[in-house]
Amino acid sequence: MKFTWIALPGVLLLSACSSSQPNAPRPPRIGMPNPAAVYCEQQGGTLMPVQTLQGVRSDCKLPNGEIIDEWTLWRREHPDTKK
């Protein structure tokens, strides 16, 4: 009985010390989105992942049915950004 009277206040004190911050700010996003993917979606296209031996790349399926590599589409529509 004596142990309960000693342990109970200790448990209550420890539980009061633990606090959570549900409204903690999120860390800022690092980087930027893929401009070719964003452009594809702005044109009404849908990104389709394609598995290759080199890894995964994305094709863009445009509303007119054309399927084109997202970066090929970007370069075709933005010729002034070529190096």
N, C-alpha and C. Protein backbone atom coordinates (compact mmCIF):
# COMPACT_ATOMS: atom_id res chain seq x y z
N MET A 1 0.83 -1.19 0.00
CA MET A 1 0.00 0.00 0.00
C MET A 1 0.87 1.25 0.00
N LYS A 2 1.95 1.20 0.82
CA LYS A 2 2.84 2.34 0.90
C LYS A 2 3.50 2.59 -0.46
N PHE A 3 3.83 1.49 -1.17
CA PHE A 3 4.47 1.62 -2.48
C PHE A 3 3.54 2.33 -3.46
N THR A 4 2.25 2.04 -3.41
CA THR A 4 1.27 2.67 -4.31
C THR A 4 1.24 4.18 -4.08
N TRP A 5 1.26 4.61 -2.85
CA TRP A 5 1.21 6.04 -2.55
C TRP A 5 2.49 6.76 -2.99
N ILE A 6 3.58 6.04 -3.03
CA ILE A 6 4.84 6.64 -3.48
C ILE A 6 4.94 6.60 -5.00
N ALA A 7 4.53 5.50 -5.60
CA ALA A 7 4.68 5.33 -7.05
C ALA A 7 3.67 6.16 -7.83
N LEU A 8 2.45 6.31 -7.33
CA LEU A 8 1.41 7.03 -8.07
C LEU A 8 1.80 8.47 -8.37
N PRO A 9 2.28 9.26 -7.40
CA PRO A 9 2.69 10.63 -7.74
C PRO A 9 3.85 10.67 -8.74
N GLY A 10 4.75 9.70 -8.66
CA GLY A 10 5.87 9.65 -9.60
C GLY A 10 5.39 9.41 -11.03
N VAL A 11 4.45 8.50 -11.17
CA VAL A 11 3.90 8.20 -12.50
C VAL A 11 3.16 9.42 -13.03
N LEU A 12 2.41 10.09 -12.21
CA LEU A 12 1.68 11.29 -12.64
C LEU A 12 2.65 12.40 -13.06
N LEU A 13 3.73 12.56 -12.32
CA LEU A 13 4.72 13.58 -12.68
C LEU A 13 5.37 13.26 -14.02
N LEU A 14 5.72 12.00 -14.23
CA LEU A 14 6.35 11.62 -15.49
C LEU A 14 5.39 11.77 -16.67
N SER A 15 4.13 11.45 -16.47
CA SER A 15 3.18 11.58 -17.58
C SER A 15 2.94 13.05 -17.91
N ALA A 16 3.07 13.93 -16.95
CA ALA A 16 2.90 15.36 -17.21
C ALA A 16 4.09 15.92 -17.97
N CYS A 17 5.24 15.28 -17.86
CA CYS A 17 6.43 15.77 -18.55
C CYS A 17 6.43 15.44 -20.03
N SER A 18 5.73 14.39 -20.41
CA SER A 18 5.72 14.03 -21.83
C SER A 18 4.64 14.83 -22.54
N SER A 19 5.07 15.61 -23.48
CA SER A 19 4.10 16.40 -24.24
C SER A 19 4.36 16.22 -25.72
N SER A 20 3.31 16.20 -26.47
CA SER A 20 3.46 16.09 -27.92
C SER A 20 3.03 17.41 -28.55
N GLN A 21 3.58 17.69 -29.71
CA GLN A 21 3.24 18.92 -30.41
C GLN A 21 2.52 18.55 -31.70
N PRO A 22 1.19 18.42 -31.65
CA PRO A 22 0.47 18.02 -32.85
C PRO A 22 0.51 19.07 -33.96
N ASN A 23 0.75 20.31 -33.61
CA ASN A 23 0.78 21.38 -34.61
C ASN A 23 2.20 21.82 -34.93
N ALA A 24 3.14 20.92 -34.81
CA ALA A 24 4.53 21.26 -35.11
C ALA A 24 4.66 21.59 -36.60
N PRO A 25 5.43 22.62 -36.94
CA PRO A 25 5.56 22.98 -38.35
C PRO A 25 6.31 21.90 -39.13
N ARG A 26 5.91 21.73 -40.39
CA ARG A 26 6.57 20.75 -41.24
C ARG A 26 7.88 21.33 -41.75
N PRO A 27 8.87 20.48 -41.95
CA PRO A 27 10.13 20.99 -42.49
C PRO A 27 9.92 21.44 -43.94
N PRO A 28 10.67 22.41 -44.40
CA PRO A 28 10.49 22.90 -45.77
C PRO A 28 10.88 21.83 -46.79
N ARG A 29 10.20 21.85 -47.94
CA ARG A 29 10.54 20.92 -49.01
C ARG A 29 11.84 21.36 -49.66
N ILE A 30 12.65 20.39 -49.96
CA ILE A 30 13.92 20.68 -50.61
C ILE A 30 13.81 20.27 -52.07
N GLY A 31 14.31 21.12 -52.94
CA GLY A 31 14.29 20.78 -54.35
C GLY A 31 13.10 21.38 -55.05
N MET A 32 12.92 20.96 -56.28
CA MET A 32 11.81 21.44 -57.08
C MET A 32 11.26 20.28 -57.90
N PRO A 33 10.03 20.40 -58.38
CA PRO A 33 9.46 19.31 -59.17
C PRO A 33 10.14 19.21 -60.53
N ASN A 34 10.02 18.06 -61.14
CA ASN A 34 10.57 17.81 -62.47
C ASN A 34 9.82 18.70 -63.47
N PRO A 35 10.50 19.64 -64.13
CA PRO A 35 9.80 20.55 -65.04
C PRO A 35 9.15 19.84 -66.22
N ALA A 36 9.74 18.75 -66.69
CA ALA A 36 9.15 18.02 -67.82
C ALA A 36 7.84 17.34 -67.39
N ALA A 37 7.80 16.80 -66.18
CA ALA A 37 6.59 16.16 -65.68
C ALA A 37 5.50 17.20 -65.44
N VAL A 38 5.88 18.34 -64.89
CA VAL A 38 4.91 19.41 -64.65
C VAL A 38 4.33 19.89 -65.97
N TYR A 39 5.19 20.07 -66.98
CA TYR A 39 4.73 20.55 -68.29
C TYR A 39 3.77 19.54 -68.93
N CYS A 40 4.09 18.26 -68.82
CA CYS A 40 3.20 17.22 -69.35
C CYS A 40 1.80 17.35 -68.76
N GLU A 41 1.73 17.48 -67.46
CA GLU A 41 0.43 17.58 -66.79
C GLU A 41 -0.27 18.89 -67.13
N GLN A 42 0.47 19.97 -67.32
CA GLN A 42 -0.13 21.25 -67.71
C GLN A 42 -0.77 21.16 -69.09
N GLN A 43 -0.24 20.29 -69.94
CA GLN A 43 -0.79 20.11 -71.29
C GLN A 43 -1.97 19.14 -71.30
N GLY A 44 -2.35 18.66 -70.12
CA GLY A 44 -3.46 17.72 -70.02
C GLY A 44 -3.03 16.28 -70.17
N GLY A 45 -1.73 16.05 -70.15
CA GLY A 45 -1.19 14.70 -70.32
C GLY A 45 -1.17 13.91 -69.03
N THR A 46 -0.90 12.63 -69.19
CA THR A 46 -0.80 11.71 -68.06
C THR A 46 0.58 11.08 -68.09
N LEU A 47 1.25 11.05 -66.95
CA LEU A 47 2.57 10.43 -66.86
C LEU A 47 2.43 8.92 -66.75
N MET A 48 3.22 8.21 -67.54
CA MET A 48 3.21 6.75 -67.53
C MET A 48 4.63 6.26 -67.28
N PRO A 49 4.91 5.63 -66.13
CA PRO A 49 6.25 5.12 -65.86
C PRO A 49 6.59 3.96 -66.80
N VAL A 50 7.84 3.96 -67.29
CA VAL A 50 8.32 2.93 -68.20
C VAL A 50 9.61 2.35 -67.63
N GLN A 51 9.63 1.03 -67.43
CA GLN A 51 10.82 0.36 -66.90
C GLN A 51 11.77 0.05 -68.05
N THR A 52 13.03 0.47 -67.93
CA THR A 52 14.05 0.17 -68.93
C THR A 52 15.23 -0.50 -68.22
N LEU A 53 16.21 -0.93 -69.00
CA LEU A 53 17.41 -1.52 -68.39
C LEU A 53 18.18 -0.50 -67.57
N GLN A 54 18.06 0.77 -67.92
CA GLN A 54 18.76 1.83 -67.19
C GLN A 54 18.00 2.29 -65.95
N GLY A 55 16.75 1.92 -65.82
CA GLY A 55 15.94 2.36 -64.69
C GLY A 55 14.54 2.71 -65.15
N VAL A 56 13.88 3.57 -64.40
CA VAL A 56 12.52 3.98 -64.73
C VAL A 56 12.54 5.38 -65.31
N ARG A 57 11.82 5.57 -66.41
CA ARG A 57 11.64 6.89 -67.00
C ARG A 57 10.14 7.08 -67.18
N SER A 58 9.72 8.26 -67.58
CA SER A 58 8.30 8.52 -67.75
C SER A 58 7.99 8.97 -69.16
N ASP A 59 6.91 8.42 -69.70
CA ASP A 59 6.34 8.90 -70.95
C ASP A 59 5.14 9.75 -70.61
N CYS A 60 4.80 10.65 -71.53
CA CYS A 60 3.64 11.50 -71.36
C CYS A 60 2.61 11.10 -72.41
N LYS A 61 1.42 10.74 -71.98
CA LYS A 61 0.33 10.44 -72.92
C LYS A 61 -0.52 11.69 -73.01
N LEU A 62 -0.46 12.33 -74.17
CA LEU A 62 -1.17 13.59 -74.40
C LEU A 62 -2.64 13.33 -74.73
N PRO A 63 -3.50 14.34 -74.57
CA PRO A 63 -4.93 14.16 -74.84
C PRO A 63 -5.23 13.70 -76.28
N ASN A 64 -4.35 14.03 -77.24
CA ASN A 64 -4.59 13.62 -78.63
C ASN A 64 -4.17 12.17 -78.88
N GLY A 65 -3.68 11.47 -77.84
CA GLY A 65 -3.28 10.07 -77.96
C GLY A 65 -1.80 9.87 -78.17
N GLU A 66 -1.06 10.94 -78.45
CA GLU A 66 0.38 10.83 -78.67
C GLU A 66 1.07 10.42 -77.37
N ILE A 67 1.98 9.47 -77.46
CA ILE A 67 2.80 9.05 -76.32
C ILE A 67 4.23 9.43 -76.65
N ILE A 68 4.83 10.23 -75.77
CA ILE A 68 6.16 10.77 -76.02
C ILE A 68 6.92 10.84 -74.70
N ASP A 69 8.23 10.65 -74.75
CA ASP A 69 9.05 10.79 -73.55
C ASP A 69 8.86 12.20 -73.00
N GLU A 70 8.73 12.32 -71.69
CA GLU A 70 8.43 13.63 -71.10
C GLU A 70 9.49 14.67 -71.43
N TRP A 71 10.77 14.27 -71.43
CA TRP A 71 11.83 15.23 -71.73
C TRP A 71 11.90 15.56 -73.21
N THR A 72 11.54 14.62 -74.08
CA THR A 72 11.47 14.91 -75.51
C THR A 72 10.38 15.94 -75.76
N LEU A 73 9.25 15.80 -75.09
CA LEU A 73 8.17 16.79 -75.20
C LEU A 73 8.65 18.15 -74.71
N TRP A 74 9.31 18.18 -73.57
CA TRP A 74 9.81 19.44 -73.00
C TRP A 74 10.76 20.14 -73.98
N ARG A 75 11.70 19.38 -74.53
CA ARG A 75 12.69 19.97 -75.44
C ARG A 75 12.05 20.41 -76.75
N ARG A 76 11.04 19.66 -77.21
CA ARG A 76 10.35 20.03 -78.45
C ARG A 76 9.62 21.36 -78.29
N GLU A 77 9.02 21.56 -77.13
CA GLU A 77 8.22 22.77 -76.89
C GLU A 77 9.05 23.92 -76.32
N HIS A 78 10.26 23.66 -75.88
CA HIS A 78 11.13 24.69 -75.30
C HIS A 78 12.50 24.64 -75.98
N PRO A 79 12.58 24.94 -77.27
CA PRO A 79 13.86 24.82 -77.97
C PRO A 79 14.92 25.80 -77.50
N ASP A 80 14.51 26.91 -76.90
CA ASP A 80 15.48 27.92 -76.45
C ASP A 80 16.22 27.50 -75.19
N THR A 81 15.82 26.41 -74.54
CA THR A 81 16.50 25.98 -73.31
C THR A 81 17.59 24.96 -73.59
N LYS A 82 17.80 24.61 -74.86
CA LYS A 82 18.88 23.66 -75.19
C LYS A 82 20.22 24.32 -74.97
N LYS A 83 21.19 23.52 -74.56
CA LYS A 83 22.54 24.05 -74.31
C LYS A 83 23.34 24.09 -75.59
